[in-house]
């Protein structure tokens, strides 16, 4: 059963919050974030401001997959993660 919009947003927030709180994660989580963002971006009803945030999150996850030390990448993005979580709450 596919996830609806609210389920996708909730899952995305959960993964990003864990990265933000723990400053660690897995490449599989980054791949999941990429898939969620792609799916959300395909939604024609999505707020334009949220699309901009999602593009930044996609870059973050893509770079995380390719990062030599993923946990360092996540830690370096802590401020962005906090902002993105706030933005998602505002625009979704």
PDB file of N, CA and C in Angstrom:
ATOM      1  N   UNK A   1       0.835  -1.175   0.000  1.00  0.00           N
ATOM      2  CA  UNK A   1       0.000   0.000   0.000  1.00  0.00           C
ATOM      3  C   UNK A   1       0.888   1.251   0.000  1.00  0.00           C
ATOM      4  N   UNK A   2       0.687   2.159  -0.962  1.00  0.00           N
ATOM      5  CA  UNK A   2       1.511   3.366  -1.019  1.00  0.00           C
ATOM      6  C   UNK A   2       1.189   4.329   0.131  1.00  0.00           C
ATOM      7  N   UNK A   3       2.182   5.093   0.493  1.00  0.00           N
ATOM      8  CA  UNK A   3       2.003   6.088   1.547  1.00  0.00           C
ATOM      9  C   UNK A   3       1.307   7.315   0.970  1.00  0.00           C
ATOM     10  N   UNK A   4       0.378   7.891   1.737  1.00  0.00           N
ATOM     11  CA  UNK A   4      -0.237   9.138   1.284  1.00  0.00           C
ATOM     12  C   UNK A   4       0.683  10.311   1.645  1.00  0.00           C
ATOM     13  N   UNK A   5       0.282  11.490   1.237  1.00  0.00           N
ATOM     14  CA  UNK A   5       1.096  12.697   1.429  1.00  0.00           C
ATOM     15  C   UNK A   5       1.487  12.889   2.894  1.00  0.00           C
ATOM     16  N   UNK A   6       0.512  12.817   3.799  1.00  0.00           N
ATOM     17  CA  UNK A   6       0.804  13.039   5.216  1.00  0.00           C
ATOM     18  C   UNK A   6       1.738  11.972   5.778  1.00  0.00           C
ATOM     19  N   UNK A   7       1.573  10.723   5.344  1.00  0.00           N
ATOM     20  CA  UNK A   7       2.480   9.655   5.785  1.00  0.00           C
ATOM     21  C   UNK A   7       3.901   9.919   5.302  1.00  0.00           C
ATOM     22  N   UNK A   8       4.032  10.372   4.061  1.00  0.00           N
ATOM     23  CA  UNK A   8       5.348  10.661   3.499  1.00  0.00           C
ATOM     24  C   UNK A   8       6.024  11.800   4.261  1.00  0.00           C
ATOM     25  N   UNK A   9       5.266  12.858   4.517  1.00  0.00           N
ATOM     26  CA  UNK A   9       5.818  14.001   5.260  1.00  0.00           C
ATOM     27  C   UNK A   9       6.224  13.566   6.665  1.00  0.00           C
ATOM     28  N   UNK A  10       5.394  12.768   7.300  1.00  0.00           N
ATOM     29  CA  UNK A  10       5.688  12.295   8.652  1.00  0.00           C
ATOM     30  C   UNK A  10       6.957  11.437   8.676  1.00  0.00           C
ATOM     31  N   UNK A  11       7.089  10.533   7.726  1.00  0.00           N
ATOM     32  CA  UNK A  11       8.278   9.686   7.656  1.00  0.00           C
ATOM     33  C   UNK A  11       9.529  10.522   7.377  1.00  0.00           C
ATOM     34  N   UNK A  12       9.417  11.474   6.461  1.00  0.00           N
ATOM     35  CA  UNK A  12      10.547  12.350   6.153  1.00  0.00           C
ATOM     36  C   UNK A  12      10.978  13.109   7.405  1.00  0.00           C
ATOM     37  N   UNK A  13      10.020  13.674   8.126  1.00  0.00           N
ATOM     38  CA  UNK A  13      10.345  14.403   9.351  1.00  0.00           C
ATOM     39  C   UNK A  13      10.989  13.496  10.392  1.00  0.00           C
ATOM     40  N   UNK A  14      10.494  12.276  10.520  1.00  0.00           N
ATOM     41  CA  UNK A  14      11.064  11.332  11.491  1.00  0.00           C
ATOM     42  C   UNK A  14      12.535  11.046  11.194  1.00  0.00           C
ATOM     43  N   UNK A  15      12.845  10.781   9.931  1.00  0.00           N
ATOM     44  CA  UNK A  15      14.232  10.475   9.556  1.00  0.00           C
ATOM     45  C   UNK A  15      15.116  11.693   9.779  1.00  0.00           C
ATOM     46  N   UNK A  16      14.657  12.855   9.326  1.00  0.00           N
ATOM     47  CA  UNK A  16      15.467  14.074   9.498  1.00  0.00           C
ATOM     48  C   UNK A  16      15.651  14.411  10.968  1.00  0.00           C
ATOM     49  N   UNK A  17      14.619  14.209  11.785  1.00  0.00           N
ATOM     50  CA  UNK A  17      14.726  14.490  13.223  1.00  0.00           C
ATOM     51  C   UNK A  17      15.736  13.556  13.889  1.00  0.00           C
ATOM     52  N   UNK A  18      15.732  12.293  13.483  1.00  0.00           N
ATOM     53  CA  UNK A  18      16.724  11.362  14.030  1.00  0.00           C
ATOM     54  C   UNK A  18      18.133  11.785  13.641  1.00  0.00           C
ATOM     55  N   UNK A  19      18.323  12.171  12.390  1.00  0.00           N
ATOM     56  CA  UNK A  19      19.641  12.647  11.959  1.00  0.00           C
ATOM     57  C   UNK A  19      20.049  13.867  12.788  1.00  0.00           C
ATOM     58  N   UNK A  20      19.110  14.779  12.978  1.00  0.00           N
ATOM     59  CA  UNK A  20      19.403  16.007  13.717  1.00  0.00           C
ATOM     60  C   UNK A  20      19.726  15.706  15.183  1.00  0.00           C
ATOM     61  N   UNK A  21      18.937  14.860  15.805  1.00  0.00           N
ATOM     62  CA  UNK A  21      19.119  14.564  17.228  1.00  0.00           C
ATOM     63  C   UNK A  21      20.357  13.717  17.502  1.00  0.00           C
ATOM     64  N   UNK A  22      20.593  12.718  16.643  1.00  0.00           N
ATOM     65  CA  UNK A  22      21.663  11.754  16.888  1.00  0.00           C
ATOM     66  C   UNK A  22      22.958  12.060  16.155  1.00  0.00           C
ATOM     67  N   UNK A  23      22.892  12.956  15.154  1.00  0.00           N
ATOM     68  CA  UNK A  23      24.044  13.269  14.292  1.00  0.00           C
ATOM     69  C   UNK A  23      24.655  12.001  13.689  1.00  0.00           C
ATOM     70  N   UNK A  24      23.773  11.059  13.382  1.00  0.00           N
ATOM     71  CA  UNK A  24      24.222   9.853  12.699  1.00  0.00           C
ATOM     72  C   UNK A  24      23.055   9.277  11.913  1.00  0.00           C
ATOM     73  N   UNK A  25      23.399   8.405  10.982  1.00  0.00           N
ATOM     74  CA  UNK A  25      22.384   7.778  10.154  1.00  0.00           C
ATOM     75  C   UNK A  25      23.034   6.773   9.226  1.00  0.00           C
ATOM     76  N   UNK A  26      22.237   6.245   8.308  1.00  0.00           N
ATOM     77  CA  UNK A  26      22.732   5.241   7.376  1.00  0.00           C
ATOM     78  C   UNK A  26      22.501   5.708   5.943  1.00  0.00           C
ATOM     79  N   UNK A  27      23.252   5.111   5.039  1.00  0.00           N
ATOM     80  CA  UNK A  27      23.045   5.447   3.630  1.00  0.00           C
ATOM     81  C   UNK A  27      21.656   4.989   3.176  1.00  0.00           C
ATOM     82  N   UNK A  28      21.138   3.907   3.763  1.00  0.00           N
ATOM     83  CA  UNK A  28      19.784   3.449   3.430  1.00  0.00           C
ATOM     84  C   UNK A  28      18.748   4.516   3.806  1.00  0.00           C
ATOM     85  N   UNK A  29      18.960   5.198   4.924  1.00  0.00           N
ATOM     86  CA  UNK A  29      18.056   6.284   5.303  1.00  0.00           C
ATOM     87  C   UNK A  29      18.141   7.423   4.301  1.00  0.00           C
ATOM     88  N   UNK A  30      19.337   7.732   3.863  1.00  0.00           N
ATOM     89  CA  UNK A  30      19.507   8.784   2.855  1.00  0.00           C
ATOM     90  C   UNK A  30      18.810   8.399   1.545  1.00  0.00           C
ATOM     91  N   UNK A  31      18.907   7.141   1.177  1.00  0.00           N
ATOM     92  CA  UNK A  31      18.220   6.675  -0.027  1.00  0.00           C
ATOM     93  C   UNK A  31      16.703   6.777   0.155  1.00  0.00           C
ATOM     94  N   UNK A  32      16.209   6.457   1.340  1.00  0.00           N
ATOM     95  CA  UNK A  32      14.779   6.580   1.626  1.00  0.00           C
ATOM     96  C   UNK A  32      14.342   8.037   1.545  1.00  0.00           C
ATOM     97  N   UNK A  33      15.157   8.935   2.073  1.00  0.00           N
ATOM     98  CA  UNK A  33      14.847  10.360   2.008  1.00  0.00           C
ATOM     99  C   UNK A  33      14.757  10.796   0.542  1.00  0.00           C
ATOM    100  N   UNK A  34      15.684  10.351  -0.287  1.00  0.00           N
ATOM    101  CA  UNK A  34      15.637  10.695  -1.713  1.00  0.00           C
ATOM    102  C   UNK A  34      14.322  10.230  -2.335  1.00  0.00           C
ATOM    103  N   UNK A  35      13.919   9.003  -2.052  1.00  0.00           N
ATOM    104  CA  UNK A  35      12.676   8.474  -2.620  1.00  0.00           C
ATOM    105  C   UNK A  35      11.461   9.271  -2.129  1.00  0.00           C
ATOM    106  N   UNK A  36      11.440   9.596  -0.845  1.00  0.00           N
ATOM    107  CA  UNK A  36      10.338  10.383  -0.300  1.00  0.00           C
ATOM    108  C   UNK A  36      10.261  11.758  -0.951  1.00  0.00           C
ATOM    109  N   UNK A  37      11.404  12.404  -1.090  1.00  0.00           N
ATOM    110  CA  UNK A  37      11.436  13.737  -1.683  1.00  0.00           C
ATOM    111  C   UNK A  37      10.964  13.682  -3.132  1.00  0.00           C
ATOM    112  N   UNK A  38      11.435  12.704  -3.891  1.00  0.00           N
ATOM    113  CA  UNK A  38      10.993  12.569  -5.286  1.00  0.00           C
ATOM    114  C   UNK A  38       9.485  12.411  -5.357  1.00  0.00           C
ATOM    115  N   UNK A  39       8.945  11.590  -4.500  1.00  0.00           N
ATOM    116  CA  UNK A  39       7.507  11.359  -4.489  1.00  0.00           C
ATOM    117  C   UNK A  39       6.746  12.632  -4.103  1.00  0.00           C
ATOM    118  N   UNK A  40       7.221  13.323  -3.082  1.00  0.00           N
ATOM    119  CA  UNK A  40       6.565  14.562  -2.660  1.00  0.00           C
ATOM    120  C   UNK A  40       6.645  15.635  -3.743  1.00  0.00           C
ATOM    121  N   UNK A  41       7.770  15.713  -4.424  1.00  0.00           N
ATOM    122  CA  UNK A  41       7.946  16.717  -5.478  1.00  0.00           C
ATOM    123  C   UNK A  41       7.005  16.458  -6.652  1.00  0.00           C
ATOM    124  N   UNK A  42       6.601  15.227  -6.832  1.00  0.00           N
ATOM    125  CA  UNK A  42       5.696  14.886  -7.924  1.00  0.00           C
ATOM    126  C   UNK A  42       4.252  15.330  -7.620  1.00  0.00           C
ATOM    127  N   UNK A  43       3.988  15.675  -6.382  1.00  0.00           N
ATOM    128  CA  UNK A  43       2.651  16.123  -5.982  1.00  0.00           C
ATOM    129  C   UNK A  43       2.425  17.543  -6.501  1.00  0.00           C
ATOM    130  N   UNK A  44       1.466  17.710  -7.391  1.00  0.00           N
ATOM    131  CA  UNK A  44       1.228  19.015  -8.022  1.00  0.00           C
ATOM    132  C   UNK A  44       0.607  20.027  -7.067  1.00  0.00           C
ATOM    133  N   UNK A  45       0.094  19.578  -5.940  1.00  0.00           N
ATOM    134  CA  UNK A  45      -0.577  20.474  -4.990  1.00  0.00           C
ATOM    135  C   UNK A  45       0.369  21.015  -3.910  1.00  0.00           C
ATOM    136  N   UNK A  46       1.626  20.639  -3.991  1.00  0.00           N
ATOM    137  CA  UNK A  46       2.573  20.993  -2.937  1.00  0.00           C
ATOM    138  C   UNK A  46       2.917  22.489  -2.997  1.00  0.00           C
ATOM    139  N   UNK A  47       3.092  23.087  -1.854  1.00  0.00           N
ATOM    140  CA  UNK A  47       3.472  24.494  -1.726  1.00  0.00           C
ATOM    141  C   UNK A  47       4.840  24.733  -2.370  1.00  0.00           C
ATOM    142  N   UNK A  48       4.959  25.821  -3.126  1.00  0.00           N
ATOM    143  CA  UNK A  48       6.225  26.134  -3.811  1.00  0.00           C
ATOM    144  C   UNK A  48       7.370  26.325  -2.814  1.00  0.00           C
ATOM    145  N   UNK A  49       7.080  26.902  -1.669  1.00  0.00           N
ATOM    146  CA  UNK A  49       8.118  27.081  -0.646  1.00  0.00           C
ATOM    147  C   UNK A  49       8.631  25.732  -0.155  1.00  0.00           C
ATOM    148  N   UNK A  50       7.723  24.765  -0.037  1.00  0.00           N
ATOM    149  CA  UNK A  50       8.132  23.438   0.401  1.00  0.00           C
ATOM    150  C   UNK A  50       8.977  22.758  -0.671  1.00  0.00           C
ATOM    151  N   UNK A  51       8.678  23.015  -1.947  1.00  0.00           N
ATOM    152  CA  UNK A  51       9.480  22.426  -3.022  1.00  0.00           C
ATOM    153  C   UNK A  51      10.939  22.857  -2.907  1.00  0.00           C
ATOM    154  N   UNK A  52      11.159  24.119  -2.588  1.00  0.00           N
ATOM    155  CA  UNK A  52      12.521  24.622  -2.425  1.00  0.00           C
ATOM    156  C   UNK A  52      13.234  23.906  -1.280  1.00  0.00           C
ATOM    157  N   UNK A  53      12.536  23.718  -0.180  1.00  0.00           N
ATOM    158  CA  UNK A  53      13.092  23.004   0.972  1.00  0.00           C
ATOM    159  C   UNK A  53      13.409  21.564   0.574  1.00  0.00           C
ATOM    160  N   UNK A  54      12.477  20.932  -0.139  1.00  0.00           N
ATOM    161  CA  UNK A  54      12.673  19.542  -0.549  1.00  0.00           C
ATOM    162  C   UNK A  54      13.875  19.384  -1.471  1.00  0.00           C
ATOM    163  N   UNK A  55      14.115  20.362  -2.325  1.00  0.00           N
ATOM    164  CA  UNK A  55      15.295  20.300  -3.200  1.00  0.00           C
ATOM    165  C   UNK A  55      16.572  20.318  -2.368  1.00  0.00           C
ATOM    166  N   UNK A  56      16.594  21.132  -1.326  1.00  0.00           N
ATOM    167  CA  UNK A  56      17.763  21.175  -0.441  1.00  0.00           C
ATOM    168  C   UNK A  56      17.926  19.856   0.314  1.00  0.00           C
ATOM    169  N   UNK A  57      16.825  19.284   0.749  1.00  0.00           N
ATOM    170  CA  UNK A  57      16.872  18.007   1.460  1.00  0.00           C
ATOM    171  C   UNK A  57      17.355  16.903   0.520  1.00  0.00           C
ATOM    172  N   UNK A  58      16.914  16.958  -0.726  1.00  0.00           N
ATOM    173  CA  UNK A  58      17.359  15.964  -1.704  1.00  0.00           C
ATOM    174  C   UNK A  58      18.880  16.046  -1.879  1.00  0.00           C
ATOM    175  N   UNK A  59      19.409  17.246  -2.011  1.00  0.00           N
ATOM    176  CA  UNK A  59      20.862  17.424  -2.145  1.00  0.00           C
ATOM    177  C   UNK A  59      21.589  16.891  -0.916  1.00  0.00           C
ATOM    178  N   UNK A  60      21.044  17.191   0.257  1.00  0.00           N
ATOM    179  CA  UNK A  60      21.624  16.697   1.506  1.00  0.00           C
ATOM    180  C   UNK A  60      21.696  15.171   1.502  1.00  0.00           C
ATOM    181  N   UNK A  61      20.601  14.524   1.133  1.00  0.00           N
ATOM    182  CA  UNK A  61      20.591  13.064   1.169  1.00  0.00           C
ATOM    183  C   UNK A  61      21.478  12.471   0.090  1.00  0.00           C
ATOM    184  N   UNK A  62      21.474  13.092  -1.083  1.00  0.00           N
ATOM    185  CA  UNK A  62      22.331  12.602  -2.170  1.00  0.00           C
ATOM    186  C   UNK A  62      23.802  12.714  -1.776  1.00  0.00           C
ATOM    187  N   UNK A  63      24.166  13.842  -1.203  1.00  0.00           N
ATOM    188  CA  UNK A  63      25.549  14.025  -0.748  1.00  0.00           C
ATOM    189  C   UNK A  63      25.878  13.076   0.398  1.00  0.00           C
ATOM    190  N   UNK A  64      24.890  12.771   1.223  1.00  0.00           N
ATOM    191  CA  UNK A  64      25.099  11.836   2.323  1.00  0.00           C
ATOM    192  C   UNK A  64      25.407  10.432   1.834  1.00  0.00           C
ATOM    193  N   UNK A  65      24.718  10.010   0.785  1.00  0.00           N
ATOM    194  CA  UNK A  65      24.963   8.680   0.212  1.00  0.00           C
ATOM    195  C   UNK A  65      26.409   8.564  -0.249  1.00  0.00           C
ATOM    196  N   UNK A  66      26.934   9.648  -0.791  1.00  0.00           N
ATOM    197  CA  UNK A  66      28.281   9.647  -1.350  1.00  0.00           C
ATOM    198  C   UNK A  66      29.353  10.144  -0.388  1.00  0.00           C
ATOM    199  N   UNK A  67      28.961  10.498   0.828  1.00  0.00           N
ATOM    200  CA  UNK A  67      29.923  11.049   1.790  1.00  0.00           C
ATOM    201  C   UNK A  67      30.892   9.967   2.274  1.00  0.00           C
ATOM    202  N   UNK A  68      32.184  10.312   2.377  1.00  0.00           N
ATOM    203  CA  UNK A  68      33.143   9.334   2.889  1.00  0.00           C
ATOM    204  C   UNK A  68      32.840   8.944   4.337  1.00  0.00           C
ATOM    205  N   UNK A  69      32.391   9.908   5.143  1.00  0.00           N
ATOM    206  CA  UNK A  69      32.003   9.639   6.531  1.00  0.00           C
ATOM    207  C   UNK A  69      30.617  10.269   6.728  1.00  0.00           C
ATOM    208  N   UNK A  70      29.605   9.443   6.634  1.00  0.00           N
ATOM    209  CA  UNK A  70      28.227   9.934   6.660  1.00  0.00           C
ATOM    210  C   UNK A  70      27.915  10.706   7.939  1.00  0.00           C
ATOM    211  N   UNK A  71      28.350  10.219   9.071  1.00  0.00           N
ATOM    212  CA  UNK A  71      28.031  10.892  10.330  1.00  0.00           C
ATOM    213  C   UNK A  71      28.625  12.298  10.393  1.00  0.00           C
ATOM    214  N   UNK A  72      29.798  12.507   9.797  1.00  0.00           N
ATOM    215  CA  UNK A  72      30.376  13.854   9.733  1.00  0.00           C
ATOM    216  C   UNK A  72      29.519  14.755   8.849  1.00  0.00           C
ATOM    217  N   UNK A  73      29.043  14.198   7.741  1.00  0.00           N
ATOM    218  CA  UNK A  73      28.165  14.960   6.836  1.00  0.00           C
ATOM    219  C   UNK A  73      26.896  15.379   7.573  1.00  0.00           C
ATOM    220  N   UNK A  74      26.293  14.449   8.286  1.00  0.00           N
ATOM    221  CA  UNK A  74      25.066  14.741   9.025  1.00  0.00           C
ATOM    222  C   UNK A  74      25.321  15.811  10.085  1.00  0.00           C
ATOM    223  N   UNK A  75      26.389  15.660  10.849  1.00  0.00           N
ATOM    224  CA  UNK A  75      26.713  16.630  11.901  1.00  0.00           C
ATOM    225  C   UNK A  75      26.936  18.025  11.321  1.00  0.00           C
ATOM    226  N   UNK A  76      27.552  18.088  10.147  1.00  0.00           N
ATOM    227  CA  UNK A  76      27.823  19.395   9.528  1.00  0.00           C
ATOM    228  C   UNK A  76      26.545  20.076   9.035  1.00  0.00           C
ATOM    229  N   UNK A  77      25.471  19.320   8.932  1.00  0.00           N
ATOM    230  CA  UNK A  77      24.197  19.855   8.435  1.00  0.00           C
ATOM    231  C   UNK A  77      23.153  20.051   9.536  1.00  0.00           C
ATOM    232  N   UNK A  78      23.576  19.960  10.789  1.00  0.00           N
ATOM    233  CA  UNK A  78      22.631  20.019  11.910  1.00  0.00           C
ATOM    234  C   UNK A  78      21.760  21.274  11.874  1.00  0.00           C
ATOM    235  N   UNK A  79      22.354  22.430  11.614  1.00  0.00           N
ATOM    236  CA  UNK A  79      21.563  23.667  11.571  1.00  0.00           C
ATOM    237  C   UNK A  79      20.545  23.623  10.432  1.00  0.00           C
ATOM    238  N   UNK A  80      20.972  23.103   9.279  1.00  0.00           N
ATOM    239  CA  UNK A  80      20.046  22.982   8.145  1.00  0.00           C
ATOM    240  C   UNK A  80      18.912  22.017   8.474  1.00  0.00           C
ATOM    241  N   UNK A  81      19.244  20.902   9.101  1.00  0.00           N
ATOM    242  CA  UNK A  81      18.222  19.928   9.467  1.00  0.00           C
ATOM    243  C   UNK A  81      17.160  20.561  10.370  1.00  0.00           C
ATOM    244  N   UNK A  82      17.610  21.325  11.346  1.00  0.00           N
ATOM    245  CA  UNK A  82      16.686  22.011  12.254  1.00  0.00           C
ATOM    246  C   UNK A  82      15.783  22.963  11.478  1.00  0.00           C
ATOM    247  N   UNK A  83      16.379  23.718  10.556  1.00  0.00           N
ATOM    248  CA  UNK A  83      15.599  24.670   9.763  1.00  0.00           C
ATOM    249  C   UNK A  83      14.611  23.954   8.852  1.00  0.00           C
ATOM    250  N   UNK A  84      15.045  22.871   8.212  1.00  0.00           N
ATOM    251  CA  UNK A  84      14.162  22.139   7.308  1.00  0.00           C
ATOM    252  C   UNK A  84      12.972  21.561   8.053  1.00  0.00           C
ATOM    253  N   UNK A  85      13.202  21.036   9.242  1.00  0.00           N
ATOM    254  CA  UNK A  85      12.095  20.499  10.032  1.00  0.00           C
ATOM    255  C   UNK A  85      11.078  21.595  10.355  1.00  0.00           C
ATOM    256  N   UNK A  86      11.566  22.762  10.700  1.00  0.00           N
ATOM    257  CA  UNK A  86      10.686  23.897  10.968  1.00  0.00           C
ATOM    258  C   UNK A  86       9.931  24.304   9.704  1.00  0.00           C
ATOM    259  N   UNK A  87      10.648  24.344   8.589  1.00  0.00           N
ATOM    260  CA  UNK A  87      10.028  24.737   7.315  1.00  0.00           C
ATOM    261  C   UNK A  87       8.952  23.739   6.886  1.00  0.00           C
ATOM    262  N   UNK A  88       9.216  22.452   7.066  1.00  0.00           N
ATOM    263  CA  UNK A  88       8.231  21.443   6.701  1.00  0.00           C
ATOM    264  C   UNK A  88       6.953  21.651   7.519  1.00  0.00           C
ATOM    265  N   UNK A  89       7.110  21.938   8.799  1.00  0.00           N
ATOM    266  CA  UNK A  89       5.932  22.196   9.636  1.00  0.00           C
ATOM    267  C   UNK A  89       5.164  23.427   9.149  1.00  0.00           C
ATOM    268  N   UNK A  90       5.885  24.417   8.689  1.00  0.00           N
ATOM    269  CA  UNK A  90       5.249  25.656   8.240  1.00  0.00           C
ATOM    270  C   UNK A  90       4.503  25.499   6.918  1.00  0.00           C
ATOM    271  N   UNK A  91       5.085  24.724   5.993  1.00  0.00           N
ATOM    272  CA  UNK A  91       4.560  24.691   4.631  1.00  0.00           C
ATOM    273  C   UNK A  91       3.717  23.463   4.300  1.00  0.00           C
ATOM    274  N   UNK A  92       3.652  22.482   5.198  1.00  0.00           N
ATOM    275  CA  UNK A  92       2.899  21.272   4.852  1.00  0.00           C
ATOM    276  C   UNK A  92       1.583  21.177   5.587  1.00  0.00           C
TER     277      UNK A  92
END
